Amino acid sequence: SLGHSFNYEIGPRREGDLPVAYANTLKAKEILQFCAKRSID
């Protein structure tokens, strides 16, 4: 999005962080008629 890089470094793991977490969203789609539309970009 920026068109250039920025400064970052790799540090140690942070206490309390899970490696992977993402949702199954089927229930919200079916019952609430809700679906997220926007991308990571």
All heavy atoms as atom14 arrays in JSON, in Angstrom:
{
  "sequence": "SLGHSFNYEIGPRREGDLPVAYANTLKAKEILQFCAKRSID",
  "atom14_mask": [
    [1, 1, 1, 1, 1, 1, 0, 0, 0, 0, 0, 0, 0, 0],
    [1, 1, 1, 1, 1, 1, 1, 1, 0, 0, 0, 0, 0, 0],
    [1, 1, 1, 1, 0, 0, 0, 0, 0, 0, 0, 0, 0, 0],
    [1, 1, 1, 1, 1, 1, 1, 1, 1, 1, 0, 0, 0, 0],
    [1, 1, 1, 1, 1, 1, 0, 0, 0, 0, 0, 0, 0, 0],
    [1, 1, 1, 1, 1, 1, 1, 1, 1, 1, 1, 0, 0, 0],
    [1, 1, 1, 1, 1, 1, 1, 1, 0, 0, 0, 0, 0, 0],
    [1, 1, 1, 1, 1, 1, 1, 1, 1, 1, 1, 1, 0, 0],
    [1, 1, 1, 1, 1, 1, 1, 1, 1, 0, 0, 0, 0, 0],
    [1, 1, 1, 1, 1, 1, 1, 1, 0, 0, 0, 0, 0, 0],
    [1, 1, 1, 1, 0, 0, 0, 0, 0, 0, 0, 0, 0, 0],
    [1, 1, 1, 1, 1, 1, 1, 0, 0, 0, 0, 0, 0, 0],
    [1, 1, 1, 1, 1, 1, 1, 1, 1, 1, 1, 0, 0, 0],
    [1, 1, 1, 1, 1, 1, 1, 1, 1, 1, 1, 0, 0, 0],
    [1, 1, 1, 1, 1, 1, 1, 1, 1, 0, 0, 0, 0, 0],
    [1, 1, 1, 1, 0, 0, 0, 0, 0, 0, 0, 0, 0, 0],
    [1, 1, 1, 1, 1, 1, 1, 1, 0, 0, 0, 0, 0, 0],
    [1, 1, 1, 1, 1, 1, 1, 1, 0, 0, 0, 0, 0, 0],
    [1, 1, 1, 1, 1, 1, 1, 0, 0, 0, 0, 0, 0, 0],
    [1, 1, 1, 1, 1, 1, 1, 0, 0, 0, 0, 0, 0, 0],
    [1, 1, 1, 1, 1, 0, 0, 0, 0, 0, 0, 0, 0, 0],
    [1, 1, 1, 1, 1, 1, 1, 1, 1, 1, 1, 1, 0, 0],
    [1, 1, 1, 1, 1, 0, 0, 0, 0, 0, 0, 0, 0, 0],
    [1, 1, 1, 1, 1, 1, 1, 1, 0, 0, 0, 0, 0, 0],
    [1, 1, 1, 1, 1, 1, 1, 0, 0, 0, 0, 0, 0, 0],
    [1, 1, 1, 1, 1, 1, 1, 1, 0, 0, 0, 0, 0, 0],
    [1, 1, 1, 1, 1, 1, 1, 1, 1, 0, 0, 0, 0, 0],
    [1, 1, 1, 1, 1, 0, 0, 0, 0, 0, 0, 0, 0, 0],
    [1, 1, 1, 1, 1, 1, 1, 1, 1, 0, 0, 0, 0, 0],
    [1, 1, 1, 1, 1, 1, 1, 1, 1, 0, 0, 0, 0, 0],
    [1, 1, 1, 1, 1, 1, 1, 1, 0, 0, 0, 0, 0, 0],
    [1, 1, 1, 1, 1, 1, 1, 1, 0, 0, 0, 0, 0, 0],
    [1, 1, 1, 1, 1, 1, 1, 1, 1, 0, 0, 0, 0, 0],
    [1, 1, 1, 1, 1, 1, 1, 1, 1, 1, 1, 0, 0, 0],
    [1, 1, 1, 1, 1, 1, 0, 0, 0, 0, 0, 0, 0, 0],
    [1, 1, 1, 1, 1, 0, 0, 0, 0, 0, 0, 0, 0, 0],
    [1, 1, 1, 1, 1, 1, 1, 1, 1, 0, 0, 0, 0, 0],
    [1, 1, 1, 1, 1, 1, 1, 1, 1, 1, 1, 0, 0, 0],
    [1, 1, 1, 1, 1, 1, 0, 0, 0, 0, 0, 0, 0, 0],
    [1, 1, 1, 1, 1, 1, 1, 1, 0, 0, 0, 0, 0, 0],
    [1, 1, 1, 1, 1, 1, 1, 1, 0, 0, 0, 0, 0, 0]
  ],
  "atom14_positions": [
    [[0.82, -1.21, 0.0], [0.0, 0.0, 0.0], [0.85, 1.26, 0.0], [0.51, 2.26, -0.64], [-0.94, 0.01, 1.21], [-1.89, -1.04, 1.13], [0.0, 0.0, 0.0], [0.0, 0.0, 0.0], [0.0, 0.0, 0.0], [0.0, 0.0, 0.0], [0.0, 0.0, 0.0], [0.0, 0.0, 0.0], [0.0, 0.0, 0.0], [0.0, 0.0, 0.0]],
    [[1.96, 1.21, 0.73], [2.85, 2.37, 0.83], [3.72, 2.57, -0.4], [4.06, 3.69, -0.77], [3.77, 2.22, 2.04], [3.15, 2.38, 3.43], [4.06, 1.77, 4.47], [2.89, 3.85, 3.73], [0.0, 0.0, 0.0], [0.0, 0.0, 0.0], [0.0, 0.0, 0.0], [0.0, 0.0, 0.0], [0.0, 0.0, 0.0], [0.0, 0.0, 0.0]],
    [[4.11, 1.46, -1.01], [5.05, 1.54, -2.12], [6.49, 1.51, -1.67], [7.41, 1.73, -2.46], [0.0, 0.0, 0.0], [0.0, 0.0, 0.0], [0.0, 0.0, 0.0], [0.0, 0.0, 0.0], [0.0, 0.0, 0.0], [0.0, 0.0, 0.0], [0.0, 0.0, 0.0], [0.0, 0.0, 0.0], [0.0, 0.0, 0.0], [0.0, 0.0, 0.0]],
    [[6.72, 1.24, -0.39], [8.09, 1.12, 0.12], [8.09, 0.29, 1.4], [7.04, 0.05, 2.0], [8.72, 2.5, 0.38], [7.99, 3.32, 1.4], [8.15, 3.14, 2.75], [7.09, 4.33, 1.26], [7.4, 4.01, 3.42], [6.73, 4.74, 2.52], [0.0, 0.0, 0.0], [0.0, 0.0, 0.0], [0.0, 0.0, 0.0], [0.0, 0.0, 0.0]],
    [[9.26, -0.15, 1.82], [9.38, -0.96, 3.03], [9.44, -0.06, 4.26], [9.58, 1.16, 4.16], [10.64, -1.82, 2.95], [11.78, -1.0, 2.85], [0.0, 0.0, 0.0], [0.0, 0.0, 0.0], [0.0, 0.0, 0.0], [0.0, 0.0, 0.0], [0.0, 0.0, 0.0], [0.0, 0.0, 0.0], [0.0, 0.0, 0.0], [0.0, 0.0, 0.0]],
    [[9.34, -0.69, 5.44], [9.52, 0.04, 6.69], [10.3, -0.84, 7.66], [10.52, -2.03, 7.42], [8.19, 0.51, 7.28], [7.26, -0.6, 7.7], [7.3, -1.12, 8.98], [6.34, -1.13, 6.81], [6.45, -2.14, 9.38], [5.47, -2.15, 7.19], [5.54, -2.66, 8.47], [0.0, 0.0, 0.0], [0.0, 0.0, 0.0], [0.0, 0.0, 0.0]],
    [[10.71, -0.26, 8.75], [11.65, -0.9, 9.66], [10.96, -1.86, 10.62], [10.03, -1.47, 11.35], [12.4, 0.19, 10.45], [13.65, -0.35, 11.13], [14.16, -1.41, 10.77], [14.16, 0.39, 12.1], [0.0, 0.0, 0.0], [0.0, 0.0, 0.0], [0.0, 0.0, 0.0], [0.0, 0.0, 0.0], [0.0, 0.0, 0.0], [0.0, 0.0, 0.0]],
    [[11.41, -3.12, 10.62], [10.91, -4.08, 11.61], [12.0, -5.07, 11.95], [12.99, -5.21, 11.23], [9.65, -4.8, 11.1], [9.87, -5.74, 9.93], [10.22, -7.06, 10.14], [9.7, -5.29, 8.63], [10.4, -7.93, 9.07], [9.88, -6.14, 7.55], [10.23, -7.47, 7.78], [10.43, -8.32, 6.73], [0.0, 0.0, 0.0], [0.0, 0.0, 0.0]],
    [[11.82, -5.74, 13.1], [12.77, -6.75, 13.55], [12.01, -7.94, 14.11], [10.83, -7.83, 14.44], [13.7, -6.18, 14.63], [12.98, -5.83, 15.92], [13.92, -5.33, 17.03], [15.12, -5.16, 16.73], [13.44, -5.13, 18.16], [0.0, 0.0, 0.0], [0.0, 0.0, 0.0], [0.0, 0.0, 0.0], [0.0, 0.0, 0.0], [0.0, 0.0, 0.0]],
    [[12.69, -9.06, 14.21], [12.11, -10.26, 14.8], [12.53, -10.33, 16.26], [13.72, -10.23, 16.58], [12.56, -11.54, 14.07], [12.26, -11.45, 12.57], [11.9, -12.76, 14.7], [10.79, -11.29, 12.24], [0.0, 0.0, 0.0], [0.0, 0.0, 0.0], [0.0, 0.0, 0.0], [0.0, 0.0, 0.0], [0.0, 0.0, 0.0], [0.0, 0.0, 0.0]],
    [[11.54, -10.48, 17.15], [11.81, -10.61, 18.57], [11.37, -11.97, 19.09], [10.88, -12.81, 18.33], [0.0, 0.0, 0.0], [0.0, 0.0, 0.0], [0.0, 0.0, 0.0], [0.0, 0.0, 0.0], [0.0, 0.0, 0.0], [0.0, 0.0, 0.0], [0.0, 0.0, 0.0], [0.0, 0.0, 0.0], [0.0, 0.0, 0.0], [0.0, 0.0, 0.0]],
    [[11.5, -12.22, 20.39], [11.06, -13.49, 20.96], [9.54, -13.59, 20.98], [8.83, -12.59, 20.85], [11.63, -13.44, 22.39], [11.75, -11.98, 22.69], [12.1, -11.32, 21.39], [0.0, 0.0, 0.0], [0.0, 0.0, 0.0], [0.0, 0.0, 0.0], [0.0, 0.0, 0.0], [0.0, 0.0, 0.0], [0.0, 0.0, 0.0], [0.0, 0.0, 0.0]],
    [[9.06, -14.79, 21.14], [7.61, -14.99, 21.26], [7.06, -14.2, 22.44], [7.77, -13.98, 23.43], [7.29, -16.48, 21.46], [7.6, -17.36, 20.27], [7.11, -18.78, 20.55], [7.41, -19.69, 19.44], [6.91, -20.92, 19.34], [6.09, -21.38, 20.29], [7.21, -21.68, 18.31], [0.0, 0.0, 0.0], [0.0, 0.0, 0.0], [0.0, 0.0, 0.0]],
    [[5.8, -13.8, 22.31], [5.15, -13.03, 23.36], [4.24, -13.96, 24.18], [3.49, -14.76, 23.62], [4.33, -11.9, 22.74], [3.67, -10.97, 23.73], [3.11, -9.75, 23.0], [2.15, -10.13, 21.97], [1.52, -9.26, 21.19], [1.79, -7.97, 21.31], [0.67, -9.68, 20.27], [0.0, 0.0, 0.0], [0.0, 0.0, 0.0], [0.0, 0.0, 0.0]],
    [[4.32, -13.84, 25.48], [3.51, -14.68, 26.37], [2.03, -14.49, 26.07], [1.54, -13.37, 25.92], [3.8, -14.31, 27.83], [3.08, -15.21, 28.82], [3.39, -14.84, 30.27], [4.15, -13.89, 30.5], [2.84, -15.52, 31.17], [0.0, 0.0, 0.0], [0.0, 0.0, 0.0], [0.0, 0.0, 0.0], [0.0, 0.0, 0.0], [0.0, 0.0, 0.0]],
    [[1.29, -15.61, 25.98], [-0.15, -15.54, 25.79], [-0.61, -15.62, 24.35], [-1.81, -15.71, 24.08], [0.0, 0.0, 0.0], [0.0, 0.0, 0.0], [0.0, 0.0, 0.0], [0.0, 0.0, 0.0], [0.0, 0.0, 0.0], [0.0, 0.0, 0.0], [0.0, 0.0, 0.0], [0.0, 0.0, 0.0], [0.0, 0.0, 0.0], [0.0, 0.0, 0.0]],
    [[0.32, -15.6, 23.39], [-0.04, -15.64, 21.98], [-0.26, -17.07, 21.5], [0.57, -17.96, 21.75], [1.05, -15.0, 21.11], [0.96, -13.49, 21.08], [-0.08, -12.94, 21.5], [1.94, -12.85, 20.62], [0.0, 0.0, 0.0], [0.0, 0.0, 0.0], [0.0, 0.0, 0.0], [0.0, 0.0, 0.0], [0.0, 0.0, 0.0], [0.0, 0.0, 0.0]],
    [[-1.35, -17.3, 20.77], [-1.58, -18.57, 20.1], [-0.93, -18.53, 18.71], [-0.9, -17.47, 18.08], [-3.07, -18.85, 19.94], [-3.89, -19.06, 21.22], [-5.37, -19.19, 20.87], [-3.41, -20.3, 21.95], [0.0, 0.0, 0.0], [0.0, 0.0, 0.0], [0.0, 0.0, 0.0], [0.0, 0.0, 0.0], [0.0, 0.0, 0.0], [0.0, 0.0, 0.0]],
    [[-0.44, -19.65, 18.21], [0.17, -19.65, 16.87], [-0.83, -19.29, 15.77], [-0.53, -18.5, 14.88], [0.68, -21.07, 16.7], [0.81, -21.61, 18.08], [-0.27, -20.95, 18.87], [0.0, 0.0, 0.0], [0.0, 0.0, 0.0], [0.0, 0.0, 0.0], [0.0, 0.0, 0.0], [0.0, 0.0, 0.0], [0.0, 0.0, 0.0], [0.0, 0.0, 0.0]],
    [[-2.02, -19.89, 15.84], [-3.02, -19.72, 14.78], [-4.39, -19.55, 15.39], [-4.78, -20.31, 16.29], [-3.04, -20.95, 13.83], [-4.07, -20.74, 12.72], [-1.67, -21.21, 13.23], [0.0, 0.0, 0.0], [0.0, 0.0, 0.0], [0.0, 0.0, 0.0], [0.0, 0.0, 0.0], [0.0, 0.0, 0.0], [0.0, 0.0, 0.0], [0.0, 0.0, 0.0]],
    [[-5.15, -18.56, 14.9], [-6.53, -18.37, 15.35], [-7.32, -17.71, 14.23], [-6.99, -16.61, 13.79], [-6.57, -17.5, 16.61], [0.0, 0.0, 0.0], [0.0, 0.0, 0.0], [0.0, 0.0, 0.0], [0.0, 0.0, 0.0], [0.0, 0.0, 0.0], [0.0, 0.0, 0.0], [0.0, 0.0, 0.0], [0.0, 0.0, 0.0], [0.0, 0.0, 0.0]],
    [[-8.33, -18.42, 13.72], [-9.25, -17.82, 12.76], [-10.61, -18.48, 12.88], [-10.76, -19.54, 13.49], [-8.7, -17.87, 11.33], [-8.53, -19.25, 10.73], [-9.47, -19.78, 9.86], [-7.39, -20.01, 11.01], [-9.3, -21.04, 9.3], [-7.21, -21.26, 10.45], [-8.17, -21.78, 9.59], [-8.0, -23.02, 9.04], [0.0, 0.0, 0.0], [0.0, 0.0, 0.0]],
    [[-11.61, -17.83, 12.33], [-13.0, -18.18, 12.6], [-13.61, -19.08, 11.54], [-13.29, -18.98, 10.36], [-13.83, -16.9, 12.7], [0.0, 0.0, 0.0], [0.0, 0.0, 0.0], [0.0, 0.0, 0.0], [0.0, 0.0, 0.0], [0.0, 0.0, 0.0], [0.0, 0.0, 0.0], [0.0, 0.0, 0.0], [0.0, 0.0, 0.0], [0.0, 0.0, 0.0]],
    [[-14.54, -19.89, 11.99], [-15.56, -20.45, 11.1], [-16.74, -19.48, 11.18], [-17.27, -19.24, 12.27], [-15.97, -21.85, 11.57], [-17.06, -22.47, 10.71], [-18.08, -21.86, 10.44], [-16.84, -23.71, 10.29], [0.0, 0.0, 0.0], [0.0, 0.0, 0.0], [0.0, 0.0, 0.0], [0.0, 0.0, 0.0], [0.0, 0.0, 0.0], [0.0, 0.0, 0.0]],
    [[-17.15, -18.91, 10.07], [-18.15, -17.83, 10.07], [-19.51, -18.25, 9.53], [-20.37, -17.41, 9.29], [-17.63, -16.64, 9.25], [-17.37, -17.07, 7.9], [-16.34, -16.08, 9.84], [0.0, 0.0, 0.0], [0.0, 0.0, 0.0], [0.0, 0.0, 0.0], [0.0, 0.0, 0.0], [0.0, 0.0, 0.0], [0.0, 0.0, 0.0], [0.0, 0.0, 0.0]],
    [[-19.71, -19.56, 9.36], [-20.93, -20.05, 8.73], [-22.19, -19.64, 9.49], [-23.2, -19.25, 8.9], [-20.87, -21.57, 8.58], [-22.04, -22.22, 7.85], [-22.15, -21.69, 6.42], [-21.89, -23.74, 7.83], [0.0, 0.0, 0.0], [0.0, 0.0, 0.0], [0.0, 0.0, 0.0], [0.0, 0.0, 0.0], [0.0, 0.0, 0.0], [0.0, 0.0, 0.0]],
    [[-22.16, -19.72, 10.83], [-23.35, -19.42, 11.62], [-23.78, -17.97, 11.44], [-24.97, -17.68, 11.26], [-23.09, -19.71, 13.1], [-24.31, -19.53, 13.99], [-23.99, -19.9, 15.43], [-25.2, -19.68, 16.34], [-24.89, -19.99, 17.77], [0.0, 0.0, 0.0], [0.0, 0.0, 0.0], [0.0, 0.0, 0.0], [0.0, 0.0, 0.0], [0.0, 0.0, 0.0]],
    [[-22.84, -17.04, 11.47], [-23.17, -15.62, 11.29], [-23.73, -15.37, 9.89], [-24.64, -14.56, 9.7], [-21.94, -14.75, 11.53], [0.0, 0.0, 0.0], [0.0, 0.0, 0.0], [0.0, 0.0, 0.0], [0.0, 0.0, 0.0], [0.0, 0.0, 0.0], [0.0, 0.0, 0.0], [0.0, 0.0, 0.0], [0.0, 0.0, 0.0], [0.0, 0.0, 0.0]],
    [[-23.18, -16.07, 8.9], [-23.68, -15.92, 7.54], [-25.12, -16.42, 7.42], [-25.97, -15.77, 6.79], [-22.79, -16.68, 6.56], [-21.42, -16.06, 6.35], [-20.58, -16.91, 5.42], [-19.18, -16.34, 5.26], [-18.32, -17.2, 4.4], [0.0, 0.0, 0.0], [0.0, 0.0, 0.0], [0.0, 0.0, 0.0], [0.0, 0.0, 0.0], [0.0, 0.0, 0.0]],
    [[-25.39, -17.57, 8.02], [-26.71, -18.19, 7.86], [-27.78, -17.5, 8.68], [-28.91, -17.3, 8.22], [-26.63, -19.67, 8.25], [-25.83, -20.51, 7.26], [-25.84, -21.98, 7.62], [-26.2, -22.32, 8.79], [-25.49, -22.81, 6.76], [0.0, 0.0, 0.0], [0.0, 0.0, 0.0], [0.0, 0.0, 0.0], [0.0, 0.0, 0.0], [0.0, 0.0, 0.0]],
    [[-27.46, -17.11, 9.92], [-28.49, -16.59, 10.83], [-28.54, -15.06, 10.83], [-29.63, -14.48, 10.77], [-28.26, -17.12, 12.25], [-28.4, -18.65, 12.25], [-29.25, -16.49, 13.24], [-28.12, -19.31, 13.58], [0.0, 0.0, 0.0], [0.0, 0.0, 0.0], [0.0, 0.0, 0.0], [0.0, 0.0, 0.0], [0.0, 0.0, 0.0], [0.0, 0.0, 0.0]],
    [[-27.38, -14.42, 10.87], [-27.37, -12.95, 10.9], [-27.35, -12.34, 9.51], [-27.52, -11.13, 9.36], [-26.14, -12.44, 11.67], [-26.01, -12.83, 13.13], [-24.79, -12.16, 13.75], [-27.27, -12.47, 13.92], [0.0, 0.0, 0.0], [0.0, 0.0, 0.0], [0.0, 0.0, 0.0], [0.0, 0.0, 0.0], [0.0, 0.0, 0.0], [0.0, 0.0, 0.0]],
    [[-27.12, -13.18, 8.5], [-26.92, -12.68, 7.13], [-25.74, -11.71, 7.08], [-25.76, -10.69, 6.39], [-28.19, -11.99, 6.61], [-29.43, -12.86, 6.66], [-29.31, -14.12, 5.81], [-29.02, -14.04, 4.63], [-29.5, -15.28, 6.43], [0.0, 0.0, 0.0], [0.0, 0.0, 0.0], [0.0, 0.0, 0.0], [0.0, 0.0, 0.0], [0.0, 0.0, 0.0]],
    [[-24.7, -12.05, 7.84], [-23.52, -11.2, 7.92], [-22.34, -11.86, 7.24], [-22.03, -13.03, 7.49], [-23.14, -10.91, 9.38], [-21.79, -10.25, 9.51], [-21.63, -8.91, 9.19], [-20.68, -10.98, 9.92], [-20.38, -8.3, 9.29], [-19.43, -10.39, 10.02], [-19.28, -9.04, 9.7], [0.0, 0.0, 0.0], [0.0, 0.0, 0.0], [0.0, 0.0, 0.0]],
    [[-21.65, -11.08, 6.4], [-20.43, -11.56, 5.75], [-19.47, -10.39, 5.61], [-19.83, -9.35, 5.05], [-20.76, -12.15, 4.38], [-19.33, -12.83, 3.52], [0.0, 0.0, 0.0], [0.0, 0.0, 0.0], [0.0, 0.0, 0.0], [0.0, 0.0, 0.0], [0.0, 0.0, 0.0], [0.0, 0.0, 0.0], [0.0, 0.0, 0.0], [0.0, 0.0, 0.0]],
    [[-18.26, -10.54, 6.14], [-17.25, -9.49, 6.01], [-16.85, -9.36, 4.54], [-16.64, -10.35, 3.85], [-16.04, -9.82, 6.87], [0.0, 0.0, 0.0], [0.0, 0.0, 0.0], [0.0, 0.0, 0.0], [0.0, 0.0, 0.0], [0.0, 0.0, 0.0], [0.0, 0.0, 0.0], [0.0, 0.0, 0.0], [0.0, 0.0, 0.0], [0.0, 0.0, 0.0]],
    [[-16.73, -8.11, 4.08], [-16.5, -7.86, 2.66], [-15.12, -7.3, 2.34], [-14.62, -7.45, 1.23], [-17.56, -6.87, 2.15], [-18.98, -7.38, 2.28], [-19.98, -6.3, 1.85], [-21.42, -6.79, 2.01], [-22.4, -5.75, 1.64], [0.0, 0.0, 0.0], [0.0, 0.0, 0.0], [0.0, 0.0, 0.0], [0.0, 0.0, 0.0], [0.0, 0.0, 0.0]],
    [[-14.48, -6.63, 3.28], [-13.25, -5.9, 2.97], [-12.01, -6.8, 3.08], [-11.94, -7.66, 3.94], [-13.12, -4.68, 3.89], [-14.2, -3.63, 3.64], [-14.25, -2.62, 4.79], [-15.18, -1.54, 4.57], [-16.49, -1.61, 4.84], [-17.02, -2.72, 5.33], [-17.26, -0.55, 4.63], [0.0, 0.0, 0.0], [0.0, 0.0, 0.0], [0.0, 0.0, 0.0]],
    [[-11.04, -6.54, 2.22], [-9.82, -7.35, 2.13], [-8.73, -6.82, 3.05], [-8.83, -5.73, 3.61], [-9.3, -7.34, 0.69], [-8.82, -6.02, 0.36], [0.0, 0.0, 0.0], [0.0, 0.0, 0.0], [0.0, 0.0, 0.0], [0.0, 0.0, 0.0], [0.0, 0.0, 0.0], [0.0, 0.0, 0.0], [0.0, 0.0, 0.0], [0.0, 0.0, 0.0]],
    [[-7.63, -7.59, 3.16], [-6.5, -7.14, 3.97], [-5.89, -5.87, 3.37], [-5.42, -4.99, 4.11], [-5.44, -8.27, 4.11], [-4.45, -7.95, 5.23], [-4.75, -8.53, 2.8], [-5.03, -8.06, 6.62], [0.0, 0.0, 0.0], [0.0, 0.0, 0.0], [0.0, 0.0, 0.0], [0.0, 0.0, 0.0], [0.0, 0.0, 0.0], [0.0, 0.0, 0.0]],
    [[-5.93, -5.74, 2.05], [-5.44, -4.5, 1.42], [-6.3, -3.31, 1.82], [-5.79, -2.21, 2.07], [-5.41, -4.65, -0.1], [-4.32, -5.6, -0.57], [-3.33, -5.77, 0.16], [-4.46, -6.17, -1.67], [0.0, 0.0, 0.0], [0.0, 0.0, 0.0], [0.0, 0.0, 0.0], [0.0, 0.0, 0.0], [0.0, 0.0, 0.0], [0.0, 0.0, 0.0]]
  ]
}
